[in-house]
């Protein structure tokens, strides 16, 4: 019997589009909010962290720390 190889997960935009299709009938949110929620629901924890970090860097809130000089 042959072992099945693990399936490669679908790309994030494709997964988000599937979830957005499920959220279309949701009332109380506009389309922009629905797409943002779909992206968050479709992303894995690592992908959510990468999205958050990229947003923080682009807004200038998260910058590399200055190298510390040891006073020896």
PDB file of N, CA and C in Angstrom:
ATOM      1  N   UNK A   1       0.837  -1.169   0.000  1.00  0.00           N
ATOM      2  CA  UNK A   1       0.000   0.000   0.000  1.00  0.00           C
ATOM      3  C   UNK A   1       0.888   1.240   0.000  1.00  0.00           C
ATOM      4  N   UNK A   2       0.567   2.178  -0.847  1.00  0.00           N
ATOM      5  CA  UNK A   2       1.363   3.372  -0.999  1.00  0.00           C
ATOM      6  C   UNK A   2       0.953   4.424   0.034  1.00  0.00           C
ATOM      7  N   UNK A   3       1.943   5.074   0.624  1.00  0.00           N
ATOM      8  CA  UNK A   3       1.635   6.153   1.555  1.00  0.00           C
ATOM      9  C   UNK A   3       1.253   7.386   0.755  1.00  0.00           C
ATOM     10  N   UNK A   4       0.256   8.068   1.238  1.00  0.00           N
ATOM     11  CA  UNK A   4      -0.159   9.281   0.537  1.00  0.00           C
ATOM     12  C   UNK A   4       0.720  10.437   0.995  1.00  0.00           C
ATOM     13  N   UNK A   5       1.136  11.227   0.055  1.00  0.00           N
ATOM     14  CA  UNK A   5       1.956  12.379   0.396  1.00  0.00           C
ATOM     15  C   UNK A   5       1.052  13.467   0.972  1.00  0.00           C
ATOM     16  N   UNK A   6       1.578  14.258   1.901  1.00  0.00           N
ATOM     17  CA  UNK A   6       0.735  15.312   2.480  1.00  0.00           C
ATOM     18  C   UNK A   6       0.363  16.343   1.421  1.00  0.00           C
ATOM     19  N   UNK A   7      -0.881  16.762   1.484  1.00  0.00           N
ATOM     20  CA  UNK A   7      -1.346  17.752   0.512  1.00  0.00           C
ATOM     21  C   UNK A   7      -0.732  19.102   0.821  1.00  0.00           C
ATOM     22  N   UNK A   8      -0.417  19.811  -0.215  1.00  0.00           N
ATOM     23  CA  UNK A   8       0.092  21.166  -0.068  1.00  0.00           C
ATOM     24  C   UNK A   8      -1.107  22.081   0.185  1.00  0.00           C
ATOM     25  N   UNK A   9      -1.028  22.921   1.214  1.00  0.00           N
ATOM     26  CA  UNK A   9      -2.189  23.793   1.486  1.00  0.00           C
ATOM     27  C   UNK A   9      -2.394  24.805   0.371  1.00  0.00           C
ATOM     28  N   UNK A  10      -3.623  25.201   0.213  1.00  0.00           N
ATOM     29  CA  UNK A  10      -3.956  26.205  -0.798  1.00  0.00           C
ATOM     30  C   UNK A  10      -3.320  27.539  -0.406  1.00  0.00           C
ATOM     31  N   UNK A  11      -3.038  28.379  -1.376  1.00  0.00           N
ATOM     32  CA  UNK A  11      -2.487  29.704  -1.061  1.00  0.00           C
ATOM     33  C   UNK A  11      -3.483  30.528  -0.234  1.00  0.00           C
ATOM     34  N   UNK A  12      -2.967  31.435   0.569  1.00  0.00           N
ATOM     35  CA  UNK A  12      -3.805  32.239   1.452  1.00  0.00           C
ATOM     36  C   UNK A  12      -4.895  33.013   0.703  1.00  0.00           C
ATOM     37  N   UNK A  13      -4.611  33.676  -0.415  1.00  0.00           N
ATOM     38  CA  UNK A  13      -5.701  34.391  -1.097  1.00  0.00           C
ATOM     39  C   UNK A  13      -6.840  33.472  -1.538  1.00  0.00           C
ATOM     40  N   UNK A  14      -6.496  32.256  -1.922  1.00  0.00           N
ATOM     41  CA  UNK A  14      -7.538  31.316  -2.350  1.00  0.00           C
ATOM     42  C   UNK A  14      -8.391  30.879  -1.153  1.00  0.00           C
ATOM     43  N   UNK A  15      -7.737  30.595  -0.029  1.00  0.00           N
ATOM     44  CA  UNK A  15      -8.489  30.213   1.174  1.00  0.00           C
ATOM     45  C   UNK A  15      -9.354  31.368   1.659  1.00  0.00           C
ATOM     46  N   UNK A  16      -8.828  32.595   1.599  1.00  0.00           N
ATOM     47  CA  UNK A  16      -9.598  33.764   2.027  1.00  0.00           C
ATOM     48  C   UNK A  16     -10.815  33.978   1.121  1.00  0.00           C
ATOM     49  N   UNK A  17     -10.658  33.736  -0.169  1.00  0.00           N
ATOM     50  CA  UNK A  17     -11.785  33.886  -1.095  1.00  0.00           C
ATOM     51  C   UNK A  17     -12.889  32.880  -0.789  1.00  0.00           C
ATOM     52  N   UNK A  18     -12.509  31.663  -0.424  1.00  0.00           N
ATOM     53  CA  UNK A  18     -13.520  30.661  -0.061  1.00  0.00           C
ATOM     54  C   UNK A  18     -14.301  31.081   1.187  1.00  0.00           C
ATOM     55  N   UNK A  19     -13.586  31.581   2.175  1.00  0.00           N
ATOM     56  CA  UNK A  19     -14.256  32.012   3.407  1.00  0.00           C
ATOM     57  C   UNK A  19     -15.088  33.261   3.152  1.00  0.00           C
ATOM     58  N   UNK A  20     -14.593  34.168   2.302  1.00  0.00           N
ATOM     59  CA  UNK A  20     -15.357  35.365   1.963  1.00  0.00           C
ATOM     60  C   UNK A  20     -16.683  34.985   1.306  1.00  0.00           C
ATOM     61  N   UNK A  21     -16.680  33.944   0.504  1.00  0.00           N
ATOM     62  CA  UNK A  21     -17.926  33.477  -0.099  1.00  0.00           C
ATOM     63  C   UNK A  21     -18.935  33.024   0.945  1.00  0.00           C
ATOM     64  N   UNK A  22     -18.433  32.471   2.044  1.00  0.00           N
ATOM     65  CA  UNK A  22     -19.333  32.053   3.128  1.00  0.00           C
ATOM     66  C   UNK A  22     -19.854  33.249   3.926  1.00  0.00           C
ATOM     67  N   UNK A  23     -19.085  34.333   3.944  1.00  0.00           N
ATOM     68  CA  UNK A  23     -19.474  35.510   4.725  1.00  0.00           C
ATOM     69  C   UNK A  23     -20.330  36.492   3.930  1.00  0.00           C
ATOM     70  N   UNK A  24     -20.600  36.234   2.662  1.00  0.00           N
ATOM     71  CA  UNK A  24     -21.337  37.176   1.817  1.00  0.00           C
ATOM     72  C   UNK A  24     -22.710  37.531   2.384  1.00  0.00           C
ATOM     73  N   UNK A  25     -23.391  36.574   2.983  1.00  0.00           N
ATOM     74  CA  UNK A  25     -24.743  36.826   3.475  1.00  0.00           C
ATOM     75  C   UNK A  25     -24.774  37.397   4.889  1.00  0.00           C
ATOM     76  N   UNK A  26     -23.622  37.658   5.472  1.00  0.00           N
ATOM     77  CA  UNK A  26     -23.540  38.196   6.823  1.00  0.00           C
ATOM     78  C   UNK A  26     -23.944  39.666   6.809  1.00  0.00           C
ATOM     79  N   UNK A  27     -24.870  40.025   7.672  1.00  0.00           N
ATOM     80  CA  UNK A  27     -25.356  41.406   7.726  1.00  0.00           C
ATOM     81  C   UNK A  27     -24.598  42.173   8.800  1.00  0.00           C
ATOM     82  N   UNK A  28     -24.498  43.485   8.630  1.00  0.00           N
ATOM     83  CA  UNK A  28     -23.899  44.337   9.640  1.00  0.00           C
ATOM     84  C   UNK A  28     -22.457  44.710   9.361  1.00  0.00           C
ATOM     85  N   UNK A  29     -21.854  44.174   8.307  1.00  0.00           N
ATOM     86  CA  UNK A  29     -20.490  44.532   7.942  1.00  0.00           C
ATOM     87  C   UNK A  29     -20.453  44.875   6.461  1.00  0.00           C
ATOM     88  N   UNK A  30     -19.614  45.854   6.113  1.00  0.00           N
ATOM     89  CA  UNK A  30     -19.469  46.147   4.692  1.00  0.00           C
ATOM     90  C   UNK A  30     -18.472  45.164   4.078  1.00  0.00           C
ATOM     91  N   UNK A  31     -18.292  45.250   2.782  1.00  0.00           N
ATOM     92  CA  UNK A  31     -17.465  44.272   2.074  1.00  0.00           C
ATOM     93  C   UNK A  31     -15.998  44.318   2.516  1.00  0.00           C
ATOM     94  N   UNK A  32     -15.498  45.508   2.843  1.00  0.00           N
ATOM     95  CA  UNK A  32     -14.119  45.617   3.299  1.00  0.00           C
ATOM     96  C   UNK A  32     -13.891  44.892   4.615  1.00  0.00           C
ATOM     97  N   UNK A  33     -14.843  45.031   5.535  1.00  0.00           N
ATOM     98  CA  UNK A  33     -14.735  44.338   6.823  1.00  0.00           C
ATOM     99  C   UNK A  33     -14.843  42.831   6.647  1.00  0.00           C
ATOM    100  N   UNK A  34     -15.725  42.409   5.753  1.00  0.00           N
ATOM    101  CA  UNK A  34     -15.866  40.970   5.500  1.00  0.00           C
ATOM    102  C   UNK A  34     -14.586  40.380   4.923  1.00  0.00           C
ATOM    103  N   UNK A  35     -13.951  41.105   4.003  1.00  0.00           N
ATOM    104  CA  UNK A  35     -12.726  40.576   3.411  1.00  0.00           C
ATOM    105  C   UNK A  35     -11.602  40.538   4.432  1.00  0.00           C
ATOM    106  N   UNK A  36     -11.545  41.512   5.328  1.00  0.00           N
ATOM    107  CA  UNK A  36     -10.532  41.513   6.373  1.00  0.00           C
ATOM    108  C   UNK A  36     -10.740  40.346   7.340  1.00  0.00           C
ATOM    109  N   UNK A  37     -11.971  40.103   7.731  1.00  0.00           N
ATOM    110  CA  UNK A  37     -12.271  38.967   8.599  1.00  0.00           C
ATOM    111  C   UNK A  37     -11.973  37.642   7.904  1.00  0.00           C
ATOM    112  N   UNK A  38     -12.290  37.549   6.630  1.00  0.00           N
ATOM    113  CA  UNK A  38     -12.013  36.318   5.878  1.00  0.00           C
ATOM    114  C   UNK A  38     -10.518  36.051   5.819  1.00  0.00           C
ATOM    115  N   UNK A  39      -9.725  37.087   5.629  1.00  0.00           N
ATOM    116  CA  UNK A  39      -8.275  36.920   5.593  1.00  0.00           C
ATOM    117  C   UNK A  39      -7.756  36.427   6.942  1.00  0.00           C
ATOM    118  N   UNK A  40      -8.250  36.995   8.023  1.00  0.00           N
ATOM    119  CA  UNK A  40      -7.827  36.561   9.355  1.00  0.00           C
ATOM    120  C   UNK A  40      -8.254  35.149   9.675  1.00  0.00           C
ATOM    121  N   UNK A  41      -9.441  34.766   9.244  1.00  0.00           N
ATOM    122  CA  UNK A  41      -9.923  33.408   9.511  1.00  0.00           C
ATOM    123  C   UNK A  41      -9.202  32.365   8.657  1.00  0.00           C
ATOM    124  N   UNK A  42      -8.782  32.751   7.465  1.00  0.00           N
ATOM    125  CA  UNK A  42      -8.148  31.800   6.560  1.00  0.00           C
ATOM    126  C   UNK A  42      -6.667  31.596   6.873  1.00  0.00           C
ATOM    127  N   UNK A  43      -6.040  32.572   7.519  1.00  0.00           N
ATOM    128  CA  UNK A  43      -4.600  32.510   7.751  1.00  0.00           C
ATOM    129  C   UNK A  43      -4.261  31.584   8.915  1.00  0.00           C
ATOM    130  N   UNK A  44      -3.129  30.918   8.787  1.00  0.00           N
ATOM    131  CA  UNK A  44      -2.613  30.114   9.884  1.00  0.00           C
ATOM    132  C   UNK A  44      -1.998  31.062  10.912  1.00  0.00           C
ATOM    133  N   UNK A  45      -1.694  30.584  12.116  1.00  0.00           N
ATOM    134  CA  UNK A  45      -1.079  31.480  13.103  1.00  0.00           C
ATOM    135  C   UNK A  45       0.215  32.126  12.608  1.00  0.00           C
ATOM    136  N   UNK A  46       1.044  31.380  11.906  1.00  0.00           N
ATOM    137  CA  UNK A  46       2.282  31.953  11.377  1.00  0.00           C
ATOM    138  C   UNK A  46       1.992  33.010  10.318  1.00  0.00           C
ATOM    139  N   UNK A  47       0.994  32.765   9.484  1.00  0.00           N
ATOM    140  CA  UNK A  47       0.631  33.743   8.460  1.00  0.00           C
ATOM    141  C   UNK A  47       0.033  34.992   9.085  1.00  0.00           C
ATOM    142  N   UNK A  48      -0.777  34.829  10.162  1.00  0.00           N
ATOM    143  CA  UNK A  48      -1.335  35.991  10.854  1.00  0.00           C
ATOM    144  C   UNK A  48      -0.228  36.831  11.472  1.00  0.00           C
ATOM    145  N   UNK A  49       0.783  36.175  12.065  1.00  0.00           N
ATOM    146  CA  UNK A  49       1.895  36.905  12.643  1.00  0.00           C
ATOM    147  C   UNK A  49       2.643  37.683  11.558  1.00  0.00           C
ATOM    148  N   UNK A  50       2.884  37.060  10.425  1.00  0.00           N
ATOM    149  CA  UNK A  50       3.598  37.734   9.336  1.00  0.00           C
ATOM    150  C   UNK A  50       2.797  38.934   8.818  1.00  0.00           C
ATOM    151  N   UNK A  51       1.479  38.788   8.710  1.00  0.00           N
ATOM    152  CA  UNK A  51       0.637  39.903   8.267  1.00  0.00           C
ATOM    153  C   UNK A  51       0.690  41.053   9.265  1.00  0.00           C
ATOM    154  N   UNK A  52       0.628  40.725  10.557  1.00  0.00           N
ATOM    155  CA  UNK A  52       0.658  41.745  11.598  1.00  0.00           C
ATOM    156  C   UNK A  52       2.007  42.456  11.603  1.00  0.00           C
ATOM    157  N   UNK A  53       3.085  41.692  11.550  1.00  0.00           N
ATOM    158  CA  UNK A  53       4.424  42.281  11.589  1.00  0.00           C
ATOM    159  C   UNK A  53       4.667  43.182  10.375  1.00  0.00           C
ATOM    160  N   UNK A  54       4.230  42.747   9.210  1.00  0.00           N
ATOM    161  CA  UNK A  54       4.400  43.565   8.010  1.00  0.00           C
ATOM    162  C   UNK A  54       3.617  44.871   8.129  1.00  0.00           C
ATOM    163  N   UNK A  55       2.418  44.818   8.690  1.00  0.00           N
ATOM    164  CA  UNK A  55       1.610  46.021   8.874  1.00  0.00           C
ATOM    165  C   UNK A  55       2.282  46.970   9.861  1.00  0.00           C
ATOM    166  N   UNK A  56       2.797  46.449  10.966  1.00  0.00           N
ATOM    167  CA  UNK A  56       3.450  47.289  11.964  1.00  0.00           C
ATOM    168  C   UNK A  56       4.706  47.949  11.392  1.00  0.00           C
ATOM    169  N   UNK A  57       5.473  47.193  10.609  1.00  0.00           N
ATOM    170  CA  UNK A  57       6.675  47.757  10.002  1.00  0.00           C
ATOM    171  C   UNK A  57       6.324  48.835   8.980  1.00  0.00           C
ATOM    172  N   UNK A  58       5.290  48.609   8.193  1.00  0.00           N
ATOM    173  CA  UNK A  58       4.934  49.586   7.164  1.00  0.00           C
ATOM    174  C   UNK A  58       4.388  50.868   7.782  1.00  0.00           C
ATOM    175  N   UNK A  59       3.779  50.767   8.970  1.00  0.00           N
ATOM    176  CA  UNK A  59       3.278  51.957   9.657  1.00  0.00           C
ATOM    177  C   UNK A  59       4.368  52.654  10.467  1.00  0.00           C
ATOM    178  N   UNK A  60       5.535  52.042  10.576  1.00  0.00           N
ATOM    179  CA  UNK A  60       6.633  52.651  11.302  1.00  0.00           C
ATOM    180  C   UNK A  60       6.609  52.414  12.799  1.00  0.00           C
ATOM    181  N   UNK A  61       5.763  51.496  13.268  1.00  0.00           N
ATOM    182  CA  UNK A  61       5.673  51.233  14.698  1.00  0.00           C
ATOM    183  C   UNK A  61       6.702  50.223  15.183  1.00  0.00           C
ATOM    184  N   UNK A  62       7.208  49.414  14.310  1.00  0.00           N
ATOM    185  CA  UNK A  62       8.107  48.346  14.715  1.00  0.00           C
ATOM    186  C   UNK A  62       9.378  48.475  13.896  1.00  0.00           C
ATOM    187  N   UNK A  63      10.402  49.000  14.523  1.00  0.00           N
ATOM    188  CA  UNK A  63      11.667  49.216  13.838  1.00  0.00           C
ATOM    189  C   UNK A  63      12.734  48.359  14.492  1.00  0.00           C
ATOM    190  N   UNK A  64      13.786  48.046  13.766  1.00  0.00           N
ATOM    191  CA  UNK A  64      14.868  47.291  14.381  1.00  0.00           C
ATOM    192  C   UNK A  64      15.475  48.084  15.536  1.00  0.00           C
ATOM    193  N   UNK A  65      15.811  47.392  16.597  1.00  0.00           N
ATOM    194  CA  UNK A  65      16.413  48.074  17.731  1.00  0.00           C
ATOM    195  C   UNK A  65      17.848  48.447  17.411  1.00  0.00           C
ATOM    196  N   UNK A  66      18.314  49.516  18.059  1.00  0.00           N
ATOM    197  CA  UNK A  66      19.689  49.958  17.836  1.00  0.00           C
ATOM    198  C   UNK A  66      20.638  48.983  18.503  1.00  0.00           C
ATOM    199  N   UNK A  67      21.769  48.685  17.879  1.00  0.00           N
ATOM    200  CA  UNK A  67      22.711  47.766  18.510  1.00  0.00           C
ATOM    201  C   UNK A  67      23.262  48.359  19.795  1.00  0.00           C
ATOM    202  N   UNK A  68      23.349  47.550  20.819  1.00  0.00           N
ATOM    203  CA  UNK A  68      23.855  48.017  22.087  1.00  0.00           C
ATOM    204  C   UNK A  68      25.371  47.845  22.122  1.00  0.00           C
ATOM    205  N   UNK A  69      26.023  48.799  22.740  1.00  0.00           N
ATOM    206  CA  UNK A  69      27.467  48.751  22.870  1.00  0.00           C
ATOM    207  C   UNK A  69      27.786  48.370  24.297  1.00  0.00           C
ATOM    208  N   UNK A  70      28.545  47.306  24.451  1.00  0.00           N
ATOM    209  CA  UNK A  70      28.893  46.887  25.814  1.00  0.00           C
ATOM    210  C   UNK A  70      30.009  47.782  26.338  1.00  0.00           C
ATOM    211  N   UNK A  71      29.861  48.222  27.556  1.00  0.00           N
ATOM    212  CA  UNK A  71      30.869  49.098  28.157  1.00  0.00           C
ATOM    213  C   UNK A  71      31.892  48.310  28.947  1.00  0.00           C
ATOM    214  N   UNK A  72      32.769  47.634  28.241  1.00  0.00           N
ATOM    215  CA  UNK A  72      33.755  46.785  28.917  1.00  0.00           C
ATOM    216  C   UNK A  72      34.988  47.524  29.320  1.00  0.00           C
TER     217      UNK A  72
END
